[in-house]
N, C-alpha and C. Protein backbone atom coordinates (compact mmCIF):
# COMPACT_ATOMS: atom_id res chain seq x y z
N MET A 1 21.63 57.67 -82.55
CA MET A 1 20.81 58.86 -82.14
C MET A 1 20.12 58.66 -82.44
N SER A 2 19.28 59.05 -81.29
CA SER A 2 17.35 59.10 -82.27
C SER A 2 17.09 60.81 -82.31
N TRP A 3 16.19 61.04 -82.99
CA TRP A 3 15.79 62.33 -83.48
C TRP A 3 14.83 62.39 -82.00
N THR A 4 14.18 61.62 -81.64
CA THR A 4 13.61 62.19 -79.77
C THR A 4 14.50 62.22 -79.23
N THR A 5 15.83 61.74 -78.94
CA THR A 5 16.19 62.07 -77.72
C THR A 5 17.33 63.85 -77.75
N LEU A 6 17.86 63.99 -79.28
CA LEU A 6 17.70 65.26 -79.65
C LEU A 6 16.78 66.98 -79.67
N PHE A 7 15.28 65.97 -79.87
CA PHE A 7 14.10 67.07 -79.26
C PHE A 7 13.91 67.11 -78.17
N LEU A 8 14.22 66.40 -77.17
CA LEU A 8 14.00 66.40 -75.66
C LEU A 8 15.46 67.59 -75.22
N ALA A 9 16.49 67.29 -76.13
CA ALA A 9 18.03 68.57 -75.25
C ALA A 9 17.18 69.15 -75.40
N MET A 10 16.59 70.03 -76.61
CA MET A 10 17.27 71.23 -77.62
C MET A 10 14.94 71.46 -77.92
N PRO A 11 14.60 72.07 -77.45
CA PRO A 11 13.13 71.86 -77.64
C PRO A 11 13.02 73.47 -78.49
N ASN A 12 13.42 73.64 -78.99
CA ASN A 12 13.02 74.84 -80.26
C ASN A 12 13.05 74.66 -81.69
N LEU A 13 13.95 73.35 -81.12
CA LEU A 13 13.90 71.65 -82.70
C LEU A 13 12.82 71.73 -83.30
N GLU A 14 11.66 71.42 -82.47
CA GLU A 14 9.81 70.94 -83.35
C GLU A 14 9.67 72.63 -84.15
N PHE A 15 11.08 73.97 -83.56
CA PHE A 15 9.56 74.51 -85.18
C PHE A 15 10.79 74.31 -86.25
N CYS A 16 11.43 73.61 -85.90
CA CYS A 16 12.43 73.46 -87.22
C CYS A 16 11.61 73.29 -88.94
N LYS A 17 11.27 72.90 -90.15
CA LYS A 17 10.78 72.83 -90.82
C LYS A 17 11.92 71.52 -91.03
N ASP A 18 13.03 72.00 -92.06
CA ASP A 18 13.63 71.51 -92.82
C ASP A 18 14.90 71.20 -92.56
N PHE A 19 15.66 70.18 -92.43
CA PHE A 19 17.81 70.27 -92.35
C PHE A 19 17.59 69.13 -93.48
N ASP A 20 18.51 70.41 -93.48
CA ASP A 20 19.47 69.66 -94.55
C ASP A 20 21.08 69.73 -94.13
N VAL A 21 21.39 67.62 -94.72
CA VAL A 21 22.83 67.72 -93.85
C VAL A 21 24.39 68.21 -95.30
N ILE A 22 24.50 68.87 -94.66
CA ILE A 22 26.04 69.62 -94.78
C ILE A 22 27.06 69.08 -94.65
N TYR A 23 27.41 68.33 -94.37
CA TYR A 23 28.49 67.41 -94.26
C TYR A 23 27.83 65.73 -93.55
N ASP A 24 28.64 64.46 -94.34
CA ASP A 24 28.63 63.58 -93.73
C ASP A 24 29.98 62.53 -93.89
N SER A 25 30.30 62.75 -93.29
CA SER A 25 31.95 61.17 -92.93
C SER A 25 31.60 59.88 -93.99
N GLY A 26 30.91 59.47 -93.61
CA GLY A 26 30.78 58.39 -95.08
C GLY A 26 30.62 58.54 -96.25
N SER A 27 30.39 60.11 -96.79
CA SER A 27 30.38 60.70 -98.09
C SER A 27 31.31 61.64 -98.30
N ASP A 28 31.11 62.32 -97.66
CA ASP A 28 32.31 63.76 -97.71
C ASP A 28 34.13 63.04 -96.82
N GLY A 29 34.12 62.54 -96.59
CA GLY A 29 35.50 61.74 -96.15
C GLY A 29 35.53 62.60 -94.36
N LEU A 30 36.65 62.01 -94.10
CA LEU A 30 36.98 61.98 -92.82
C LEU A 30 38.03 62.69 -92.25
N SER A 31 38.48 63.65 -92.99
CA SER A 31 39.43 64.45 -92.88
C SER A 31 38.37 65.50 -92.79
N PHE A 32 39.51 65.98 -91.58
CA PHE A 32 38.97 67.70 -90.78
C PHE A 32 39.15 69.73 -91.14
N ASN A 33 39.45 68.86 -92.83
CA ASN A 33 39.97 69.59 -93.44
C ASN A 33 38.31 70.49 -94.28
N ARG A 34 38.10 68.79 -94.92
CA ARG A 34 36.48 68.73 -95.61
C ARG A 34 35.44 69.70 -94.69
N LEU A 35 35.57 68.47 -93.67
CA LEU A 35 34.81 69.34 -92.80
C LEU A 35 35.08 70.84 -92.00
N SER A 36 35.63 72.14 -92.50
CA SER A 36 35.77 72.72 -92.39
C SER A 36 35.85 73.52 -93.73
N ASN A 37 35.37 72.97 -94.69
CA ASN A 37 35.01 74.07 -96.11
C ASN A 37 33.98 73.78 -95.78
N HIS A 38 32.35 72.84 -95.37
CA HIS A 38 31.16 72.66 -95.77
C HIS A 38 30.43 73.17 -94.84
N ILE A 39 31.44 73.82 -93.06
CA ILE A 39 30.17 74.04 -92.62
C ILE A 39 30.37 75.82 -92.61
N ILE A 40 32.03 76.08 -93.19
CA ILE A 40 32.81 77.73 -92.79
C ILE A 40 31.72 78.45 -93.89
N GLY A 41 30.87 79.60 -93.82
CA GLY A 41 29.80 80.25 -94.32
C GLY A 41 28.78 79.66 -94.80
N TYR A 42 27.96 78.86 -94.28
CA TYR A 42 26.68 78.59 -93.59
C TYR A 42 26.20 79.35 -93.05
N LYS A 43 25.18 79.28 -93.81
CA LYS A 43 24.35 80.76 -93.07
C LYS A 43 23.41 80.38 -91.94
N GLY A 44 23.04 79.17 -92.08
CA GLY A 44 21.84 79.10 -90.95
C GLY A 44 22.29 78.21 -89.57
N PRO A 45 21.53 78.47 -88.83
CA PRO A 45 22.09 77.60 -87.55
C PRO A 45 22.23 76.20 -87.75
N MET A 46 22.83 75.35 -87.23
CA MET A 46 23.63 74.34 -87.29
C MET A 46 24.17 73.66 -85.84
N ILE A 47 23.83 72.32 -86.09
CA ILE A 47 24.14 70.97 -85.54
C ILE A 47 25.43 70.12 -85.47
N ILE A 48 26.20 70.13 -85.03
CA ILE A 48 27.18 69.31 -85.05
C ILE A 48 26.92 68.16 -84.38
N LEU A 49 27.32 66.89 -85.01
CA LEU A 49 26.66 65.36 -84.72
C LEU A 49 28.43 64.59 -84.43
N VAL A 50 29.36 64.19 -83.57
CA VAL A 50 30.98 63.71 -83.95
C VAL A 50 30.83 62.29 -83.34
N LYS A 51 30.52 61.17 -83.75
CA LYS A 51 30.85 59.72 -82.85
C LYS A 51 31.44 60.00 -83.07
N HIS A 52 32.75 59.29 -81.83
CA HIS A 52 33.74 58.34 -81.76
C HIS A 52 33.28 56.69 -81.21
N ALA A 53 33.81 55.87 -81.50
CA ALA A 53 33.38 54.70 -81.95
C ALA A 53 35.26 54.30 -81.44
N LYS A 54 34.89 52.21 -80.68
CA LYS A 54 36.43 52.45 -80.51
C LYS A 54 36.64 51.38 -81.51
N SER A 55 38.15 51.49 -81.80
CA SER A 55 39.01 51.45 -82.78
C SER A 55 39.13 49.24 -83.09
N ALA A 56 38.79 48.73 -84.10
CA ALA A 56 38.82 46.79 -84.08
C ALA A 56 40.59 46.89 -82.89
N THR A 57 41.18 47.89 -83.09
CA THR A 57 42.52 47.55 -81.66
C THR A 57 42.69 48.24 -80.55
N TYR A 58 41.27 47.96 -79.70
CA TYR A 58 40.79 48.78 -78.86
C TYR A 58 41.57 48.12 -77.91
N GLU A 59 42.50 47.76 -76.60
CA GLU A 59 43.07 46.79 -75.60
C GLU A 59 42.82 47.13 -74.32
N GLU A 60 42.19 47.10 -73.99
CA GLU A 60 42.06 47.44 -72.21
C GLU A 60 42.72 48.45 -71.32
N GLY A 61 43.84 49.36 -71.30
CA GLY A 61 43.85 49.37 -70.43
C GLY A 61 45.26 50.37 -71.13
N LYS A 62 44.60 50.86 -72.11
CA LYS A 62 45.95 51.09 -73.00
C LYS A 62 44.97 52.39 -73.78
N HIS A 63 43.95 52.87 -72.43
CA HIS A 63 43.51 54.05 -73.47
C HIS A 63 42.94 54.77 -72.79
N ASP A 64 41.79 56.27 -73.04
CA ASP A 64 42.11 56.94 -72.43
C ASP A 64 40.75 56.26 -71.78
N GLU A 65 39.35 57.07 -70.80
CA GLU A 65 37.65 57.22 -71.40
C GLU A 65 36.72 57.46 -71.88
N LEU A 66 37.68 58.25 -72.88
CA LEU A 66 36.47 58.82 -74.70
C LEU A 66 37.00 57.40 -75.79
N ALA A 67 37.86 56.65 -75.08
CA ALA A 67 37.86 55.48 -76.29
C ALA A 67 36.54 54.84 -76.38
N ASP A 68 35.82 54.16 -74.78
CA ASP A 68 34.81 54.77 -75.32
C ASP A 68 33.68 54.41 -76.66
N ASP A 69 32.74 53.89 -77.25
CA ASP A 69 31.91 54.26 -78.27
C ASP A 69 31.05 55.44 -77.42
N CYS A 70 30.79 57.32 -77.69
CA CYS A 70 29.80 57.93 -77.43
C CYS A 70 29.55 58.80 -78.70
N ILE A 71 28.44 60.09 -78.48
CA ILE A 71 28.35 61.12 -79.53
C ILE A 71 27.97 62.17 -79.18
N VAL A 72 28.70 63.52 -79.25
CA VAL A 72 29.49 64.45 -78.96
C VAL A 72 29.02 65.82 -79.35
N GLY A 73 27.83 66.54 -79.09
CA GLY A 73 27.28 67.82 -80.25
C GLY A 73 27.10 68.86 -79.98
N ALA A 74 27.38 69.93 -80.59
CA ALA A 74 27.11 71.19 -80.74
C ALA A 74 25.36 71.79 -81.30
N TYR A 75 25.06 72.86 -80.76
CA TYR A 75 24.86 73.77 -81.74
C TYR A 75 25.71 75.02 -81.32
N ILE A 76 24.89 75.54 -82.81
CA ILE A 76 25.94 76.46 -83.50
C ILE A 76 24.53 77.52 -83.73
N SER A 77 25.03 78.76 -83.71
CA SER A 77 23.36 79.94 -83.96
C SER A 77 23.13 80.70 -84.53
N GLN A 78 24.66 80.74 -85.53
CA GLN A 78 25.63 82.01 -85.54
C GLN A 78 26.72 81.43 -87.21
N GLU A 79 26.65 82.01 -87.90
CA GLU A 79 27.24 81.62 -89.31
C GLU A 79 28.66 81.53 -88.73
N VAL A 80 29.42 79.97 -88.78
CA VAL A 80 30.90 80.04 -88.82
C VAL A 80 31.73 80.38 -89.69
N ALA A 81 32.32 80.85 -89.69
CA ALA A 81 33.33 82.26 -89.58
C ALA A 81 35.19 81.25 -89.55
N ASP A 82 35.73 82.07 -90.77
CA ASP A 82 36.86 81.37 -90.39
C ASP A 82 37.95 82.91 -89.63
N LYS A 83 38.08 83.33 -88.89
CA LYS A 83 38.81 84.36 -87.62
C LYS A 83 39.53 83.77 -87.11
N ALA A 84 40.46 85.06 -86.50
CA ALA A 84 41.33 84.79 -85.54
C ALA A 84 41.10 85.16 -84.69
N LYS A 85 39.82 85.59 -84.05
CA LYS A 85 39.53 86.34 -83.09
C LYS A 85 38.10 85.21 -83.10
N PHE A 86 37.82 85.59 -80.94
CA PHE A 86 36.74 84.69 -80.73
C PHE A 86 35.67 85.72 -81.88
N CYS A 87 34.04 84.67 -81.89
CA CYS A 87 33.22 85.59 -81.81
C CYS A 87 31.83 84.29 -82.69
N GLY A 88 30.58 84.80 -81.63
CA GLY A 88 29.80 84.10 -81.62
C GLY A 88 29.13 84.62 -79.96
N ASP A 89 28.01 83.93 -80.34
CA ASP A 89 27.13 84.62 -78.81
C ASP A 89 26.90 83.67 -77.50
N LEU A 90 26.07 84.22 -77.07
CA LEU A 90 25.69 83.12 -76.04
C LEU A 90 25.03 81.76 -76.27
N ASN A 91 24.10 81.95 -77.45
CA ASN A 91 24.45 80.09 -77.45
C ASN A 91 24.47 79.36 -77.72
């Protein structure tokens, strides 16, 4: 995914001066628990990008539509907190 695509989808990113990588599966591991530990409590807004790739054992017709390579993203404007209730805003 190119930064150009990201900036076109979210024009307000042009005002951001610095980006911090707070989690990278390549260096931090593939566990959802590790991802959670990195993002819970992070104070700034964040963009989460998740890349799904076909596995080496992919067989046509044995998986659903999500078996194709794809990137899914989310913008989170508030601190991520571990709560049992809904929290957040319209962003």
